[in-house]
Protein backbone atom coordinates (compact mmCIF):
# COMPACT_ATOMS: atom_id res chain seq x y z
CA MET A 1 40.49 -11.07 -22.81
CA LYS A 2 36.93 -12.24 -23.29
CA LYS A 3 33.89 -12.88 -21.14
CA ILE A 4 31.39 -15.72 -21.52
CA SER A 5 28.12 -14.77 -19.86
CA VAL A 6 24.69 -16.18 -19.23
CA GLU A 7 22.86 -12.95 -18.36
CA HIS A 8 19.59 -14.66 -17.52
CA ILE A 9 19.70 -18.31 -16.48
CA ALA A 10 16.62 -20.05 -17.84
CA ARG A 11 14.49 -22.48 -15.87
CA VAL A 12 15.42 -21.27 -12.38
CA GLU A 13 13.38 -19.27 -9.87
CA GLY A 14 14.31 -15.60 -10.05
CA ASN A 15 16.70 -13.42 -12.03
CA GLY A 16 20.36 -14.43 -11.98
CA GLY A 17 23.32 -14.90 -14.26
CA ILE A 18 26.77 -16.47 -14.44
CA SER A 19 29.89 -15.18 -16.20
CA ALA A 20 33.42 -16.47 -16.83
CA THR A 21 36.31 -14.18 -17.79
CA ILE A 22 39.01 -15.77 -19.96
CA ASP A 23 42.50 -14.36 -20.54
CA GLY A 24 44.26 -16.44 -23.19
CA ASN A 25 44.23 -20.01 -21.90
CA VAL A 26 43.28 -19.12 -18.33
CA VAL A 27 39.87 -18.62 -16.71
CA THR A 28 40.59 -15.66 -14.46
CA ASP A 29 37.20 -15.15 -12.82
CA VAL A 30 33.73 -16.66 -12.46
CA LYS A 31 30.82 -14.76 -10.94
CA PHE A 32 27.36 -16.01 -9.97
CA ILE A 33 25.35 -12.81 -10.23
CA ILE A 34 22.11 -12.35 -8.31
CA ASN A 35 20.16 -9.51 -9.90
CA GLU A 36 17.13 -9.66 -7.60
CA GLY A 37 16.96 -6.68 -5.29
CA ALA A 38 17.27 -7.06 -1.53
CA ARG A 39 14.01 -8.36 -0.01
CA LEU A 40 14.48 -6.45 3.28
CA ILE A 41 12.31 -9.03 5.05
CA GLU A 42 14.67 -9.16 8.01
CA ARG A 43 14.25 -5.46 8.68
CA LEU A 44 10.49 -5.57 8.10
CA THR A 45 10.00 -8.09 10.91
CA VAL A 46 11.74 -6.00 13.57
CA GLY A 47 9.23 -4.44 15.92
CA ARG A 48 6.57 -7.03 15.06
CA THR A 49 4.99 -9.63 17.30
CA PRO A 50 6.13 -13.26 16.92
CA GLU A 51 2.79 -14.06 15.25
CA GLU A 52 3.25 -11.25 12.74
CA ASP A 53 6.76 -12.44 12.01
CA VAL A 54 5.75 -15.97 11.05
CA SER A 55 3.30 -14.42 8.57
CA ILE A 56 5.73 -11.83 7.16
CA ALA A 57 8.94 -13.86 6.94
CA PRO A 58 7.64 -16.47 4.44
CA ARG A 59 6.82 -13.62 2.03
CA ILE A 60 10.51 -13.61 1.15
CA CYS A 61 9.50 -16.12 -1.53
CA ALA A 62 6.43 -17.98 -2.80
CA ILE A 63 8.44 -21.05 -3.87
CA CYS A 64 9.72 -22.13 -0.43
CA THR A 65 6.90 -20.54 1.52
CA LEU A 66 6.22 -23.50 3.85
CA SER A 67 9.90 -24.09 4.57
CA HIS A 68 10.19 -20.47 5.70
CA LYS A 69 6.99 -20.79 7.73
CA PHE A 70 8.26 -24.01 9.33
CA ALA A 71 11.70 -22.54 10.14
CA ALA A 72 10.20 -19.33 11.55
CA ILE A 73 7.79 -21.26 13.79
CA ARG A 74 10.55 -23.57 15.05
CA ALA A 75 12.74 -20.54 15.83
CA MET A 76 9.94 -18.74 17.67
CA GLU A 77 9.01 -21.81 19.70
CA ASN A 78 12.65 -22.24 20.71
CA ALA A 79 12.84 -18.55 21.67
CA LEU A 80 9.57 -18.60 23.63
CA ALA A 81 10.04 -22.04 25.26
CA VAL A 82 7.00 -23.54 23.53
CA GLU A 83 6.94 -27.34 23.45
CA VAL A 84 4.35 -28.89 21.14
CA PRO A 85 3.12 -32.50 21.31
CA ARG A 86 4.26 -35.19 18.87
CA LYS A 87 1.12 -34.98 16.75
CA VAL A 88 1.90 -31.35 15.89
CA HIS A 89 5.37 -32.39 14.76
CA LEU A 90 3.86 -35.10 12.58
CA PHE A 91 1.39 -32.71 10.93
CA ARG A 92 4.21 -30.29 10.23
CA GLU A 93 6.27 -33.08 8.71
CA LEU A 94 3.35 -34.03 6.46
CA MET A 95 2.96 -30.37 5.48
CA HIS A 96 6.65 -30.20 4.62
CA MET A 97 6.45 -33.38 2.52
CA GLY A 98 3.94 -31.59 0.31
CA GLU A 99 6.41 -28.80 -0.44
CA MET A 100 9.24 -31.28 -1.06
CA ILE A 101 7.13 -33.19 -3.58
CA GLU A 102 5.83 -30.07 -5.30
CA SER A 103 9.28 -28.48 -5.57
CA HIS A 104 11.32 -31.58 -6.45
CA SER A 105 8.89 -32.71 -9.15
CA LEU A 106 8.95 -29.23 -10.67
CA HIS A 107 12.73 -29.04 -10.72
CA THR A 108 13.62 -32.58 -11.80
CA PHE A 109 11.14 -32.90 -14.66
CA PHE A 110 10.40 -29.37 -15.84
CA LEU A 111 13.63 -27.48 -15.12
CA ALA A 112 16.44 -30.06 -15.25
CA LEU A 113 15.33 -32.98 -17.43
CA PRO A 114 15.06 -31.01 -20.72
CA ASP A 115 18.84 -30.39 -20.50
CA TYR A 116 19.60 -34.10 -20.64
CA LEU A 117 17.01 -35.09 -23.21
CA GLY A 118 17.96 -32.35 -25.66
CA PHE A 119 14.93 -30.08 -25.40
CA PRO A 120 14.77 -26.33 -24.72
CA ASN A 121 11.92 -26.69 -22.22
CA ALA A 122 9.34 -29.08 -20.79
CA ILE A 123 6.66 -28.05 -23.29
CA ALA A 124 8.84 -29.15 -26.19
CA MET A 125 9.82 -32.28 -24.27
CA GLY A 126 6.16 -33.26 -23.94
CA SER A 127 5.92 -34.14 -27.63
CA LYS A 128 8.17 -37.18 -27.10
CA TYR A 129 7.95 -37.75 -23.34
CA GLU A 130 4.27 -37.18 -22.71
CA SER A 131 3.98 -39.69 -19.85
CA GLU A 132 6.88 -38.10 -17.94
CA VAL A 133 5.41 -34.62 -18.28
CA LYS A 134 1.98 -35.81 -17.14
CA LEU A 135 3.51 -37.66 -14.17
CA ALA A 136 5.37 -34.52 -13.11
CA LEU A 137 2.16 -32.48 -13.27
CA GLN A 138 0.30 -35.09 -11.21
CA MET A 139 3.04 -35.16 -8.57
CA LYS A 140 3.18 -31.39 -8.41
CA ASN A 141 -0.60 -31.18 -8.01
CA PHE A 142 -0.47 -33.80 -5.26
CA GLY A 143 2.20 -31.84 -3.41
CA ASN A 144 0.12 -28.67 -3.78
CA HIS A 145 -2.93 -30.50 -2.42
CA ILE A 146 -1.03 -31.54 0.71
CA MET A 147 0.20 -27.99 1.20
CA LYS A 148 -3.28 -26.54 0.87
CA THR A 149 -4.84 -29.19 3.11
CA THR A 150 -2.33 -28.64 5.92
CA SER A 151 -1.53 -24.93 5.63
CA GLY A 152 -4.85 -23.57 4.34
CA ARG A 153 -3.63 -22.19 0.99
CA TYR A 154 -1.36 -23.25 -1.84
CA ILE A 155 0.90 -20.27 -1.12
CA HIS A 156 1.48 -18.43 2.17
CA GLY A 157 -0.97 -20.51 4.17
CA GLU A 158 -1.75 -19.22 7.65
CA ASN A 159 -2.98 -22.46 9.26
CA PRO A 160 0.41 -23.36 10.84
CA VAL A 161 0.97 -21.14 13.88
CA ILE A 162 3.23 -20.92 16.90
CA GLY A 163 2.12 -23.74 19.16
CA GLY A 164 0.27 -25.85 16.60
CA PHE A 165 -2.33 -25.52 13.86
CA GLY A 166 -5.54 -23.53 13.58
CA LYS A 167 -7.31 -26.52 12.01
CA TYR A 168 -6.40 -30.14 11.35
CA PRO A 169 -7.33 -32.18 8.26
CA SER A 170 -10.22 -34.61 8.60
CA LYS A 171 -9.80 -38.37 8.73
CA ASP A 172 -11.14 -38.73 5.19
CA GLU A 173 -8.68 -36.14 3.87
CA LEU A 174 -5.76 -37.92 5.49
CA ILE A 175 -6.83 -41.31 4.17
CA TRP A 176 -7.12 -39.92 0.64
CA ILE A 177 -3.59 -38.47 0.89
CA LYS A 178 -2.25 -41.84 2.04
CA GLU A 179 -3.97 -43.83 -0.69
CA ARG A 180 -2.89 -41.39 -3.39
CA ALA A 181 0.74 -41.58 -2.21
CA VAL A 182 0.63 -45.38 -2.45
CA GLU A 183 -0.77 -45.17 -5.99
CA PHE A 184 2.23 -43.11 -7.06
CA MET A 185 4.86 -45.62 -5.87
CA PRO A 186 5.43 -47.60 -9.12
CA SER A 187 5.90 -44.36 -11.05
CA ILE A 188 8.23 -42.93 -8.42
CA ILE A 189 10.45 -46.02 -8.62
CA LYS A 190 10.75 -45.40 -12.38
CA THR A 191 11.51 -41.75 -11.70
CA VAL A 192 14.49 -42.70 -9.53
CA ASP A 193 15.71 -45.13 -12.20
CA LEU A 194 15.42 -42.39 -14.81
CA PHE A 195 17.36 -39.69 -12.94
CA CYS A 196 19.97 -42.03 -11.49
CA THR A 197 20.87 -43.49 -14.88
CA ILE A 198 21.24 -40.22 -16.79
CA ASP A 199 24.69 -39.88 -18.34
CA TYR A 200 25.78 -36.89 -16.27
CA PRO A 201 28.96 -35.21 -17.60
CA ASP A 202 32.05 -35.81 -15.46
CA CYS A 203 33.00 -32.15 -15.79
CA PRO A 204 32.99 -30.71 -13.19
CA GLU A 205 33.97 -33.15 -10.47
CA ASP A 206 35.81 -32.26 -7.27
CA ASP A 207 35.48 -32.89 -3.56
CA THR A 208 33.47 -30.44 -1.49
CA ILE A 209 31.95 -30.06 1.97
CA TYR A 210 28.28 -30.89 2.54
CA ALA A 211 26.06 -29.55 5.34
CA CYS A 212 22.47 -30.28 6.36
CA CYS A 213 20.17 -30.70 9.36
CA ASN A 214 20.83 -33.70 11.56
CA PRO A 215 17.37 -35.17 12.34
CA ALA A 216 16.82 -36.78 15.71
CA ASN A 217 17.20 -40.50 16.40
CA ASP A 218 19.56 -41.09 13.46
CA LYS A 219 16.67 -40.86 11.00
CA TYR A 220 16.48 -39.33 7.54
CA GLY A 221 14.42 -36.17 7.51
CA PHE A 222 14.10 -32.47 6.82
CA ALA A 223 14.36 -30.81 10.24
CA GLY A 224 16.54 -30.98 13.33
CA ASP A 225 18.21 -29.06 16.13
CA GLU A 226 21.72 -29.68 14.91
CA ILE A 227 23.74 -29.22 11.72
CA ILE A 228 25.85 -32.12 10.49
CA VAL A 229 28.82 -31.43 8.21
CA SER A 230 30.57 -33.99 6.01
CA THR A 231 33.85 -33.13 7.78
CA GLY A 232 32.45 -34.78 10.90
CA ASP A 233 31.60 -31.50 12.63
CA LYS A 234 28.26 -31.11 14.38
CA ILE A 235 26.95 -27.65 15.14
CA TYR A 236 24.12 -26.86 17.56
CA ARG A 237 21.32 -24.75 16.08
CA ASP A 238 22.14 -21.54 17.99
CA ASP A 239 25.78 -21.76 16.85
CA TYR A 240 24.83 -21.75 13.16
CA LYS A 241 27.22 -18.87 12.39
CA ASN A 242 30.08 -21.30 12.98
CA LEU A 243 28.97 -22.79 9.66
CA THR A 244 27.65 -19.92 7.59
CA ASN A 245 30.10 -17.03 8.16
CA GLU A 246 28.24 -14.77 5.71
CA PHE A 247 30.09 -12.04 3.82
CA ILE A 248 29.31 -9.51 1.09
CA VAL A 249 30.55 -9.75 -2.51
CA SER A 250 30.60 -6.78 -4.87
CA HIS A 251 28.97 -8.51 -7.85
CA SER A 252 25.79 -9.84 -6.25
CA TYR A 253 22.87 -8.79 -4.06
CA ALA A 254 23.19 -12.13 -2.23
CA LYS A 255 25.72 -12.71 0.50
CA HIS A 256 28.08 -15.68 0.30
CA SER A 257 29.11 -18.21 2.95
CA ARG A 258 32.17 -20.34 3.70
CA PHE A 259 32.83 -22.99 6.34
CA LYS A 260 36.35 -22.69 7.73
CA GLU A 261 37.26 -20.56 4.69
CA LYS A 262 36.08 -23.22 2.26
CA PRO A 263 32.99 -23.30 0.00
CA TYR A 264 30.34 -25.84 0.89
CA SER A 265 27.07 -27.15 -0.55
CA VAL A 266 23.61 -27.67 0.88
CA GLY A 267 20.58 -29.32 -0.71
CA ALA A 268 19.35 -32.78 -1.67
CA LEU A 269 22.85 -33.95 -2.65
CA ALA A 270 24.20 -32.78 0.72
CA ARG A 271 21.43 -34.66 2.52
CA ILE A 272 22.03 -37.86 0.56
CA ASN A 273 25.78 -37.67 1.15
CA ASN A 274 25.43 -37.03 4.89
CA LEU A 275 22.29 -39.02 5.70
CA GLY A 276 21.78 -41.47 2.83
CA GLU A 277 22.77 -44.54 4.85
CA ARG A 278 19.78 -43.84 7.10
CA LEU A 279 17.27 -44.35 4.27
CA GLU A 280 15.01 -47.37 4.64
CA GLY A 281 12.51 -49.26 2.48
CA GLU A 282 12.56 -48.72 -1.29
CA ALA A 283 14.46 -45.46 -0.88
CA GLY A 284 17.16 -47.34 1.02
CA ASN A 285 17.30 -50.00 -1.68
CA MET A 286 17.62 -47.41 -4.42
CA TYR A 287 20.35 -45.60 -2.46
CA LYS A 288 22.37 -48.78 -2.20
CA LYS A 289 21.80 -49.49 -5.90
CA TYR A 290 22.91 -46.15 -7.28
CA PHE A 291 25.02 -44.23 -4.77
CA ASN A 292 28.74 -44.12 -5.56
CA ASP A 293 31.76 -41.85 -5.18
CA ARG A 294 30.61 -39.58 -8.05
CA TRP A 295 27.76 -38.40 -5.82
CA LYS A 296 30.42 -36.93 -3.50
CA LYS A 297 32.03 -34.85 -6.26
CA ASN A 298 29.57 -33.98 -9.02
CA PRO A 299 26.96 -31.27 -8.37
CA LEU A 300 24.87 -32.45 -11.35
CA LEU A 301 23.93 -35.51 -9.26
CA ASN A 302 21.72 -33.18 -7.21
CA ASN A 303 19.02 -34.02 -9.76
CA ALA A 304 19.33 -37.71 -8.90
CA ALA A 305 19.36 -36.90 -5.18
CA GLN A 306 16.08 -34.99 -5.53
CA ALA A 307 14.51 -37.96 -7.31
CA LEU A 308 15.62 -40.21 -4.44
CA GLU A 309 14.05 -37.79 -1.97
CA LEU A 310 10.79 -37.91 -3.92
CA LEU A 311 10.73 -41.64 -3.28
CA TYR A 312 11.52 -41.10 0.41
CA SER A 313 8.69 -38.57 0.71
CA PHE A 314 6.09 -40.79 -0.96
CA GLU A 315 7.10 -43.67 1.33
CA ARG A 316 7.03 -41.50 4.43
CA ILE A 317 3.53 -40.07 3.86
CA PRO A 318 1.58 -43.32 4.56
CA GLN A 319 3.62 -43.80 7.74
CA LEU A 320 2.78 -40.27 8.88
CA VAL A 321 -0.92 -40.66 8.13
CA ASP A 322 -1.15 -43.98 10.00
CA GLU A 323 0.32 -42.39 13.10
CA LEU A 324 -1.79 -39.24 12.76
CA LEU A 325 -4.96 -41.32 12.70
CA GLN A 326 -4.14 -42.86 16.06
CA PRO A 327 -5.39 -41.33 19.35
CA PRO A 328 -5.18 -38.81 20.93
CA GLU A 329 -7.27 -36.27 19.07
CA ALA A 330 -5.78 -33.21 17.42
CA PRO A 331 -4.21 -31.04 20.15
CA GLU A 332 -5.10 -27.47 21.00
CA ILE A 333 -2.69 -24.63 20.24
CA ILE A 334 -0.04 -24.36 22.96
CA ARG A 335 -0.05 -20.82 24.38
CA TYR A 336 3.01 -18.97 25.67
CA THR A 337 3.64 -16.17 28.15
CA ALA A 338 7.33 -15.42 27.54
CA LYS A 339 8.24 -11.88 26.42
CA GLU A 340 12.01 -12.35 26.06
CA GLY A 341 14.15 -14.93 24.36
CA LYS A 342 16.42 -16.03 21.54
CA GLY A 343 15.83 -18.95 19.23
CA THR A 344 16.95 -20.62 16.00
CA GLY A 345 14.96 -22.83 13.66
CA LEU A 346 16.70 -25.29 11.31
CA VAL A 347 14.74 -26.73 8.39
CA GLU A 348 15.72 -28.39 5.14
CA ALA A 349 14.05 -26.45 2.35
CA PRO A 350 13.94 -28.33 -0.97
CA ARG A 351 17.10 -26.44 -1.96
CA GLY A 352 18.95 -27.00 1.29
CA LEU A 353 19.60 -25.84 4.83
CA LEU A 354 17.40 -22.89 5.83
CA ILE A 355 18.08 -21.00 9.05
CA HIS A 356 15.82 -18.53 10.88
CA HIS A 357 17.06 -16.83 14.04
CA TYR A 358 15.11 -14.37 16.18
CA GLU A 359 15.60 -12.32 19.31
CA ILE A 360 12.48 -11.24 21.26
CA SER A 361 12.45 -8.22 23.59
CA ASN A 362 9.35 -6.93 25.39
CA GLY A 363 7.21 -9.26 23.32
CA LEU A 364 8.44 -7.92 19.96
CA VAL A 365 11.08 -9.04 17.47
CA SER A 366 14.29 -7.09 18.08
CA HIS A 367 16.60 -8.96 15.70
CA THR A 368 16.13 -11.26 12.69
CA ASP A 369 18.64 -13.31 10.74
CA ILE A 370 17.57 -15.47 7.79
CA ILE A 371 20.18 -17.52 5.94
CA THR A 372 18.95 -19.25 2.81
CA PRO A 373 20.26 -22.27 0.87
CA THR A 374 21.19 -20.41 -2.31
CA ALA A 375 23.24 -17.85 -0.38
CA GLN A 376 25.18 -20.78 1.12
CA ASN A 377 25.61 -22.51 -2.24
CA ALA A 378 26.83 -19.43 -4.12
CA GLU A 379 30.54 -19.99 -3.42
CA ASP A 380 30.43 -23.63 -4.56
CA ILE A 381 28.39 -22.70 -7.63
CA GLU A 382 31.15 -20.30 -8.68
CA ARG A 383 33.87 -22.84 -7.86
CA TYR A 384 32.30 -25.66 -9.85
CA CYS A 385 31.62 -23.35 -12.79
CA TYR A 386 35.28 -22.30 -12.68
CA ILE A 387 36.42 -25.93 -12.68
CA ALA A 388 34.17 -26.73 -15.62
CA ALA A 389 35.18 -23.64 -17.60
CA GLN A 390 38.92 -24.24 -17.17
CA SER A 391 38.62 -27.94 -17.96
CA LEU A 392 36.64 -27.31 -21.14
CA LEU A 393 39.05 -24.55 -22.17
CA ASP A 394 42.03 -26.88 -21.67
CA SER A 395 40.39 -29.53 -23.85
CA GLY A 396 39.59 -27.10 -26.67
CA LYS A 397 35.86 -27.01 -25.97
CA GLU A 398 35.42 -23.33 -25.23
CA ASP A 399 32.11 -23.38 -27.11
CA LYS A 400 30.65 -25.65 -24.43
CA ILE A 401 31.52 -23.45 -21.44
CA ARG A 402 28.37 -21.33 -21.53
CA ASP A 403 25.96 -24.28 -21.60
CA ARG A 404 27.91 -26.23 -18.97
CA MET A 405 27.89 -23.33 -16.52
CA GLU A 406 24.14 -22.95 -16.98
CA LEU A 407 23.73 -26.71 -16.42
CA ILE A 408 25.63 -26.48 -13.13
CA VAL A 409 23.68 -23.51 -11.80
CA ARG A 410 20.37 -25.14 -12.73
CA ALA A 411 21.36 -28.43 -11.03
CA TYR A 412 21.63 -26.55 -7.74
CA ASP A 413 17.97 -25.55 -8.17
CA PRO A 414 18.68 -22.03 -6.89
CA CYS A 415 15.92 -20.00 -5.28
CA ILE A 416 17.27 -16.61 -6.22
CA SER A 417 14.50 -14.55 -4.60
CA CYS A 418 15.23 -16.15 -1.23
CA SER A 419 18.96 -15.61 -1.56
CA ALA A 420 18.76 -11.82 -1.68
CA HIS A 421 18.12 -10.69 1.85
CA LEU A 422 20.48 -8.01 3.15
CA ALA A 423 23.42 -6.78 1.09
CA GLU A 424 25.30 -3.57 0.45
CA VAL A 425 24.04 -1.46 -2.46
CA LYS A 426 26.48 0.93 -4.15
CA LYS A 427 25.35 4.02 -6.07
CA ALA A 428 26.64 4.66 -9.57
CA PRO A 429 28.81 7.76 -10.22
CA GLU A 430 26.96 10.99 -11.00
CA GLU A 431 27.88 11.01 -14.72
CA SER A 432 27.69 7.22 -15.29
CA TRP A 433 25.10 7.71 -18.05
CA LYS A 434 27.83 9.03 -20.33
CA GLU A 435 29.91 5.86 -19.88
CA LYS A 436 26.90 3.71 -20.71
CA ILE A 437 26.07 5.67 -23.87
CA ASP A 438 29.71 5.38 -24.99
CA GLU A 439 29.65 1.65 -24.26
CA LEU A 440 26.52 1.16 -26.37
CA LYS A 441 27.96 3.20 -29.23
CA GLN A 442 31.16 1.15 -29.24
CA ALA A 443 29.29 -2.17 -29.25
CA GLU A 444 26.76 -1.29 -31.98
CA SER A 445 25.17 1.93 -33.20
CA PRO A 446 22.07 2.38 -30.98
CA VAL A 447 18.57 3.39 -32.08
CA PHE A 448 17.02 6.23 -30.04
CA ILE A 449 13.26 6.42 -29.47
CA GLY A 450 11.62 9.46 -27.87
CA VAL A 451 8.53 8.65 -25.80
CA GLY A 452 6.24 10.66 -23.55
CA ASN A 453 3.34 13.10 -23.52
CA THR A 454 4.08 16.73 -24.42
CA CYS A 455 0.80 17.88 -22.83
CA TYR A 456 2.08 17.17 -19.33
CA SER A 457 5.13 19.40 -18.78
CA ASP A 458 8.23 17.28 -18.02
CA ASP A 459 6.61 14.15 -19.41
CA GLY A 460 7.51 15.58 -22.81
CA ALA A 461 11.24 15.43 -22.07
CA GLY A 462 11.82 12.34 -24.20
CA ILE A 463 9.95 13.74 -27.19
CA ASN A 464 11.74 17.09 -26.94
CA LEU A 465 15.15 15.43 -26.65
CA ALA A 466 14.45 13.25 -29.69
CA LEU A 467 13.38 16.29 -31.76
CA GLU A 468 16.52 18.18 -30.76
CA LEU A 469 18.72 15.20 -31.64
CA LYS A 470 17.04 14.98 -35.05
CA LYS A 471 17.69 18.68 -35.68
CA ALA A 472 21.31 18.17 -34.73
CA GLY A 473 21.65 15.43 -37.33
CA VAL A 474 22.00 12.46 -34.99
CA LYS A 475 21.16 9.30 -36.93
CA ASP A 476 18.50 6.73 -36.09
CA VAL A 477 16.31 8.88 -33.86
CA TRP A 478 12.57 8.16 -33.86
CA LEU A 479 9.44 9.31 -32.08
CA GLU A 480 7.00 6.84 -30.60
CA SER A 481 4.30 8.19 -32.95
CA GLU A 482 6.39 7.05 -35.92
CA LEU A 483 6.75 3.44 -34.80
CA ASN A 484 3.37 1.83 -35.26
CA ASP A 485 3.25 2.39 -39.02
CA ASN A 486 6.95 1.85 -39.69
CA GLU A 487 8.38 -1.65 -39.58
CA GLU A 488 11.80 -0.49 -40.76
CA ILE A 489 13.01 0.12 -37.23
CA TRP A 490 12.32 -3.46 -36.16
CA GLN A 491 13.90 -4.95 -39.27
CA ASN A 492 17.06 -2.84 -38.98
CA SER A 493 17.58 -3.05 -35.23
CA VAL A 494 17.47 -6.76 -34.45
CA ASN A 495 21.03 -6.76 -33.08
CA ARG A 496 21.26 -3.09 -32.18
CA PRO A 497 20.56 -1.60 -28.75
CA LEU A 498 17.34 0.37 -28.39
CA VAL A 499 17.54 3.45 -26.16
CA PHE A 500 14.20 4.96 -25.11
CA LEU A 501 14.32 8.64 -24.18
CA ASP A 502 11.85 9.45 -21.42
CA ALA A 503 11.04 11.21 -18.17
CA VAL A 504 11.56 8.61 -15.44
CA ASP A 505 10.75 8.97 -11.77
CA VAL A 506 13.75 7.40 -10.01
CA LYS A 507 13.20 9.41 -6.80
CA GLU A 508 16.22 11.66 -7.44
CA LYS A 509 16.63 15.42 -7.76
CA PRO A 510 14.94 16.98 -10.85
CA GLY A 511 17.14 16.80 -13.93
CA LYS A 512 19.02 13.67 -12.80
CA ILE A 513 20.09 11.66 -15.89
CA CYS A 514 20.47 7.89 -15.80
CA VAL A 515 20.63 4.95 -18.20
CA LEU A 516 18.89 1.83 -16.94
CA PRO A 517 18.00 -1.54 -18.52
CA LEU A 518 14.46 -1.51 -19.88
CA HIS A 519 13.52 -4.69 -18.00
CA HIS A 520 14.55 -2.99 -14.74
CA ILE A 521 12.40 0.04 -15.57
CA LEU A 522 9.38 -2.10 -16.38
CA SER A 523 9.55 -4.07 -13.17
CA ASN A 524 11.03 -1.71 -10.59
CA THR A 525 10.64 1.95 -11.43
CA SER A 526 7.65 4.27 -11.34
CA LEU A 527 7.36 5.79 -14.81
CA SER A 528 5.78 9.04 -15.88
CA HIS A 529 3.62 7.10 -18.33
CA LYS A 530 3.08 3.55 -19.57
CA PHE A 531 5.18 2.26 -22.43
CA LEU A 532 3.36 1.46 -25.64
CA PRO A 533 2.11 -2.08 -26.35
CA PHE A 534 4.83 -2.54 -28.99
CA ILE A 535 7.25 -3.44 -26.20
CA SER A 536 5.50 -6.76 -25.71
CA GLY A 537 3.89 -7.03 -29.12
CA GLN A 538 6.84 -6.36 -31.43
CA MET A 539 10.01 -6.73 -29.36
CA ASN A 540 11.41 -10.23 -28.97
CA TYR A 541 13.28 -11.33 -25.84
CA LYS A 542 16.70 -10.61 -27.31
CA GLN A 543 15.70 -7.04 -28.14
CA LEU A 544 14.17 -6.54 -24.69
CA LYS A 545 17.44 -7.59 -23.04
CA ASN A 546 19.33 -5.18 -25.33
CA SER A 547 17.06 -2.21 -24.61
CA TYR A 548 17.64 0.71 -22.25
CA VAL A 549 16.00 3.89 -21.04
CA LEU A 550 17.86 7.16 -20.92
CA GLY A 551 15.75 8.76 -18.24
CA ILE A 552 15.51 12.28 -16.87
CA GLN A 553 14.01 12.84 -13.43
CA PRO A 554 10.97 15.15 -13.84
CA GLU A 555 10.17 18.06 -11.56
CA SER A 556 6.52 18.39 -12.54
CA LEU A 557 3.99 16.33 -14.47
CA SER A 558 1.21 18.89 -14.31
CA LYS A 559 -0.90 19.71 -17.34
CA GLY A 560 0.78 22.10 -19.76
CA GLN A 561 3.60 22.14 -22.27
CA LYS A 562 6.22 24.04 -20.29
CA ILE A 563 9.26 21.94 -19.35
CA SER A 564 10.95 22.80 -16.04
CA ARG A 565 14.37 24.40 -15.94
CA PRO A 566 16.22 21.37 -14.40
CA VAL A 567 14.80 19.05 -17.08
CA ARG A 568 15.55 21.58 -19.84
CA ASP A 569 19.16 21.78 -18.59
CA ALA A 570 19.38 17.97 -18.61
CA ILE A 571 18.12 17.86 -22.22
CA GLU A 572 20.80 20.37 -23.20
CA LYS A 573 23.46 18.34 -21.40
CA VAL A 574 22.53 15.13 -23.25
CA LEU A 575 22.28 16.99 -26.56
CA ASN A 576 25.71 18.59 -26.15
CA TYR A 577 27.29 15.26 -25.23
CA MET A 578 25.76 13.25 -28.06
CA HIS A 579 26.08 15.87 -30.82
């Protein structure tokens, strides 16, 4: 039995991985692993005012910030019976177009396109495709400008509020946005041609279910009060759980969703499949030119769908501006008096259907439910990766499985930070550090490095443990003071795991022993001291991913050289186990 894993998927937002387990000629399991910790945003909003909520909730992510703001405001206005005039809706639509352009241009050109042109990243791609890279930057900057102009900031703008906007753009600002959108049109047409004519692999291809918002008046768009499903089902906003049916999986911090016990997809490809016939103008022409049955089966076509939506957005902006410039003047904020209510907001984030639901009691949020696109896509991502892995295995192309799975995940444009809202967290067994040390020894002889400061009591635990291991004759044990002038360790440990020995504050009882990935320690855990600059200066990415910290929870970090009894006992326990 073997496992093919992509531990860190490049060119996506957040930290996630994908793995396929193979037993002989059969792929037995595929897991889309979300490593980002739970955001806890839902719980943080409880007990807050509606106004506080629409400021807090978008902090779940800085990539889809305006989509979350938009969905939260729509949900609150539905809960509080706030009806805003048409001009407010138009300004919000313009605001949302900015995020669509910024996000789609980033994904299509910088994250996805290098895969199909044979480059590791967009920087390398720029040497041969300079004009495409520059166009993507210009589009992204334009989208950012719209976002800042309408919401007040590039990220987490506070100008959109319940009942309207704090401030509206001037006539000159709107005219500039319109004229700039028109200038882009020839380049956007070429963009659609480019992404719709890429030779996308036909593995994987299979039918699936698509879900998205159903905009009013049979129009194409990115918001609505109803969900439309490719099965023909239509679901009212407050009945969204009839679609999502969230459940917990053991291998990921993100929940999964199924519709009638089947995986489904959301996103640009879902919108094009469900709403594409509503497209008009050049976007409608391009849809008729390129859309075919493969778009219904191949998730890689999501890249082409995003390009088509870029064209739709650039065409829609001049129409919005023309209507916004007509009387009446910008409306005042609509005030509300309701203290109780329930409401749901449906919005199409760049990555797909985004749902915010709130319950208000005594003027405060009493319940929050946020369901993100990536959490809905997770089941289909695993399914399509399974199909691809088994197909490639059957055709004798096992060596292509890893890259194809990464290609599929990236095509979905996952927003991993958003996906991790509430999930169950399981604690490791008390003695799990022993299993991890054994695992590292079996894979490759590890190198142990003692770090710390012996002048501050328990902070010297790592140094003391390293010295004791050296006395006991354990091989490849070093002190941090020996590293700067000795390059031997880096030359001899390229493919070997590095295990740093240290006092680590993991908020457990003194003497608690744990083995954690170094990257987790650096980003999530309060340490007793800062690691030396060699971590970034001498360790390459491969070494960083293969590095760990054997940590002991300190009791005291006060000045002095005496180590506490619990930490001394832990040192003895590790020494006895490893010697």
